[in-house]
Amino acid sequence: MAVYPSVDLTNFDVAAATRTVRNAGDAATATANDLARDAVYTAIGLGVLTYQRLQVRRRELSRDRLR
């Protein structure tokens, strides 16, 4: 017959487990916020670079027309 290990929950503290879960949730929220902020900054940066590239292209085309 198989012998199964026993688990003793006599001194199990539910409050400590709740704090651990809550802290993990706070960390996940902070990570999600940081990720969202980084995504917005990246999108804005790419938008600025695209606008600058369009301006350079516009100036090149206008310069070529004058020749």
N, C-alpha and C. Protein backbone atom coordinates (compact mmCIF):
# COMPACT_ATOMS: atom_id res chain seq x y z
N MET A 1 0.84 -1.17 0.00
CA MET A 1 0.00 0.00 0.00
C MET A 1 0.89 1.25 0.00
N ALA A 2 0.49 2.31 -0.76
CA ALA A 2 1.27 3.54 -0.88
C ALA A 2 1.13 4.39 0.37
N VAL A 3 2.22 5.04 0.74
CA VAL A 3 2.21 5.93 1.89
C VAL A 3 2.24 7.36 1.37
N TYR A 4 1.26 8.15 1.77
CA TYR A 4 1.18 9.54 1.33
C TYR A 4 1.72 10.45 2.42
N PRO A 5 2.47 11.49 2.05
CA PRO A 5 2.99 12.40 3.07
C PRO A 5 1.86 13.22 3.68
N SER A 6 2.00 13.53 4.93
CA SER A 6 0.97 14.33 5.60
C SER A 6 1.41 15.79 5.63
N VAL A 7 0.44 16.67 5.69
CA VAL A 7 0.69 18.10 5.75
C VAL A 7 0.10 18.61 7.05
N ASP A 8 0.93 19.28 7.83
CA ASP A 8 0.48 19.81 9.12
C ASP A 8 0.18 21.29 8.96
N LEU A 9 -1.08 21.68 9.10
CA LEU A 9 -1.49 23.08 8.97
C LEU A 9 -1.82 23.69 10.33
N THR A 10 -1.24 23.17 11.37
CA THR A 10 -1.55 23.63 12.71
C THR A 10 -1.16 25.10 12.90
N ASN A 11 0.00 25.50 12.43
CA ASN A 11 0.48 26.87 12.63
C ASN A 11 0.36 27.71 11.36
N PHE A 12 -0.55 27.38 10.49
CA PHE A 12 -0.72 28.12 9.24
C PHE A 12 -1.38 29.46 9.53
N ASP A 13 -0.75 30.54 9.08
CA ASP A 13 -1.25 31.90 9.31
C ASP A 13 -1.87 32.43 8.04
N VAL A 14 -3.19 32.57 8.01
CA VAL A 14 -3.90 33.02 6.82
C VAL A 14 -3.57 34.48 6.53
N ALA A 15 -3.39 35.30 7.55
CA ALA A 15 -3.10 36.72 7.36
C ALA A 15 -1.77 36.91 6.62
N ALA A 16 -0.77 36.13 6.99
CA ALA A 16 0.53 36.24 6.31
C ALA A 16 0.41 35.82 4.86
N ALA A 17 -0.36 34.78 4.59
CA ALA A 17 -0.55 34.34 3.21
C ALA A 17 -1.28 35.40 2.41
N THR A 18 -2.26 36.06 3.02
CA THR A 18 -3.00 37.12 2.34
C THR A 18 -2.09 38.30 2.01
N ARG A 19 -1.21 38.67 2.94
CA ARG A 19 -0.28 39.77 2.67
C ARG A 19 0.65 39.42 1.52
N THR A 20 1.10 38.19 1.46
CA THR A 20 1.98 37.75 0.38
C THR A 20 1.28 37.86 -0.96
N VAL A 21 0.05 37.41 -1.01
CA VAL A 21 -0.71 37.49 -2.27
C VAL A 21 -0.96 38.94 -2.65
N ARG A 22 -1.29 39.78 -1.67
CA ARG A 22 -1.55 41.19 -1.94
C ARG A 22 -0.28 41.88 -2.46
N ASN A 23 0.87 41.59 -1.84
CA ASN A 23 2.13 42.18 -2.30
C ASN A 23 2.47 41.73 -3.71
N ALA A 24 2.19 40.49 -4.03
CA ALA A 24 2.45 39.99 -5.38
C ALA A 24 1.54 40.71 -6.37
N GLY A 25 0.31 40.99 -5.98
CA GLY A 25 -0.61 41.73 -6.84
C GLY A 25 -0.13 43.15 -7.07
N ASP A 26 0.39 43.80 -6.03
CA ASP A 26 0.92 45.15 -6.17
C ASP A 26 2.11 45.17 -7.12
N ALA A 27 2.95 44.16 -7.01
CA ALA A 27 4.12 44.08 -7.89
C ALA A 27 3.69 43.87 -9.34
N ALA A 28 2.67 43.05 -9.54
CA ALA A 28 2.17 42.82 -10.90
C ALA A 28 1.56 44.09 -11.47
N THR A 29 0.84 44.83 -10.65
CA THR A 29 0.24 46.09 -11.09
C THR A 29 1.33 47.09 -11.45
N ALA A 30 2.36 47.18 -10.63
CA ALA A 30 3.46 48.10 -10.91
C ALA A 30 4.16 47.71 -12.20
N THR A 31 4.36 46.43 -12.41
CA THR A 31 5.00 45.95 -13.64
C THR A 31 4.14 46.28 -14.85
N ALA A 32 2.84 46.08 -14.74
CA ALA A 32 1.92 46.39 -15.84
C ALA A 32 1.94 47.89 -16.14
N ASN A 33 1.96 48.71 -15.10
CA ASN A 33 2.01 50.16 -15.29
C ASN A 33 3.30 50.57 -15.98
N ASP A 34 4.41 50.00 -15.55
CA ASP A 34 5.70 50.32 -16.17
C ASP A 34 5.71 49.90 -17.63
N LEU A 35 5.15 48.73 -17.92
CA LEU A 35 5.10 48.24 -19.29
C LEU A 35 4.24 49.15 -20.17
N ALA A 36 3.10 49.58 -19.63
CA ALA A 36 2.22 50.47 -20.40
C ALA A 36 2.90 51.82 -20.64
N ARG A 37 3.57 52.36 -19.62
CA ARG A 37 4.26 53.63 -19.77
C ARG A 37 5.37 53.52 -20.82
N ASP A 38 6.13 52.44 -20.78
CA ASP A 38 7.20 52.24 -21.77
C ASP A 38 6.62 52.12 -23.18
N ALA A 39 5.48 51.46 -23.32
CA ALA A 39 4.85 51.31 -24.63
C ALA A 39 4.41 52.67 -25.18
N VAL A 40 3.86 53.51 -24.31
CA VAL A 40 3.43 54.85 -24.74
C VAL A 40 4.64 55.69 -25.14
N TYR A 41 5.69 55.66 -24.33
CA TYR A 41 6.89 56.43 -24.67
C TYR A 41 7.49 55.95 -25.99
N THR A 42 7.49 54.65 -26.21
CA THR A 42 8.02 54.10 -27.46
C THR A 42 7.18 54.55 -28.64
N ALA A 43 5.86 54.51 -28.50
CA ALA A 43 4.97 54.94 -29.58
C ALA A 43 5.17 56.42 -29.90
N ILE A 44 5.30 57.24 -28.88
CA ILE A 44 5.52 58.67 -29.11
C ILE A 44 6.87 58.90 -29.79
N GLY A 45 7.88 58.19 -29.33
CA GLY A 45 9.21 58.32 -29.94
C GLY A 45 9.20 57.92 -31.41
N LEU A 46 8.54 56.82 -31.72
CA LEU A 46 8.44 56.39 -33.12
C LEU A 46 7.66 57.40 -33.95
N GLY A 47 6.64 57.99 -33.36
CA GLY A 47 5.87 59.02 -34.07
C GLY A 47 6.73 60.24 -34.38
N VAL A 48 7.55 60.66 -33.42
CA VAL A 48 8.44 61.81 -33.64
C VAL A 48 9.46 61.49 -34.73
N LEU A 49 10.04 60.30 -34.68
CA LEU A 49 11.01 59.91 -35.71
C LEU A 49 10.37 59.85 -37.09
N THR A 50 9.15 59.35 -37.17
CA THR A 50 8.44 59.29 -38.45
C THR A 50 8.16 60.69 -38.97
N TYR A 51 7.73 61.60 -38.09
CA TYR A 51 7.47 62.98 -38.50
C TYR A 51 8.75 63.64 -39.02
N GLN A 52 9.85 63.43 -38.32
CA GLN A 52 11.11 64.01 -38.77
C GLN A 52 11.54 63.43 -40.12
N ARG A 53 11.34 62.15 -40.31
CA ARG A 53 11.70 61.52 -41.58
C ARG A 53 10.84 62.08 -42.72
N LEU A 54 9.56 62.31 -42.44
CA LEU A 54 8.69 62.91 -43.46
C LEU A 54 9.12 64.33 -43.80
N GLN A 55 9.54 65.09 -42.79
CA GLN A 55 10.00 66.45 -43.05
C GLN A 55 11.25 66.45 -43.93
N VAL A 56 12.18 65.54 -43.64
CA VAL A 56 13.40 65.46 -44.45
C VAL A 56 13.04 65.09 -45.88
N ARG A 57 12.14 64.12 -46.03
CA ARG A 57 11.72 63.70 -47.37
C ARG A 57 11.04 64.84 -48.12
N ARG A 58 10.20 65.62 -47.40
CA ARG A 58 9.52 66.75 -48.03
C ARG A 58 10.53 67.78 -48.51
N ARG A 59 11.53 68.07 -47.69
CA ARG A 59 12.56 69.04 -48.08
C ARG A 59 13.38 68.54 -49.26
N GLU A 60 13.66 67.24 -49.29
CA GLU A 60 14.40 66.68 -50.43
C GLU A 60 13.60 66.81 -51.71
N LEU A 61 12.30 66.55 -51.64
CA LEU A 61 11.46 66.65 -52.84
C LEU A 61 11.34 68.10 -53.31
N SER A 62 11.20 69.03 -52.37
CA SER A 62 11.08 70.43 -52.78
C SER A 62 12.42 70.93 -53.35
N ARG A 63 13.53 70.46 -52.82
CA ARG A 63 14.83 70.85 -53.33
C ARG A 63 15.04 70.29 -54.75
N ASP A 64 14.60 69.06 -54.99
CA ASP A 64 14.73 68.44 -56.31
C ASP A 64 13.85 69.15 -57.34
N ARG A 65 12.71 69.68 -56.94
CA ARG A 65 11.82 70.38 -57.86
C ARG A 65 12.43 71.70 -58.33
N LEU A 66 13.20 72.31 -57.45
CA LEU A 66 13.79 73.62 -57.80
C LEU A 66 14.93 73.47 -58.79
N ARG A 67 15.49 72.34 -58.93
CA ARG A 67 16.61 72.14 -59.85
C ARG A 67 16.17 72.06 -61.25
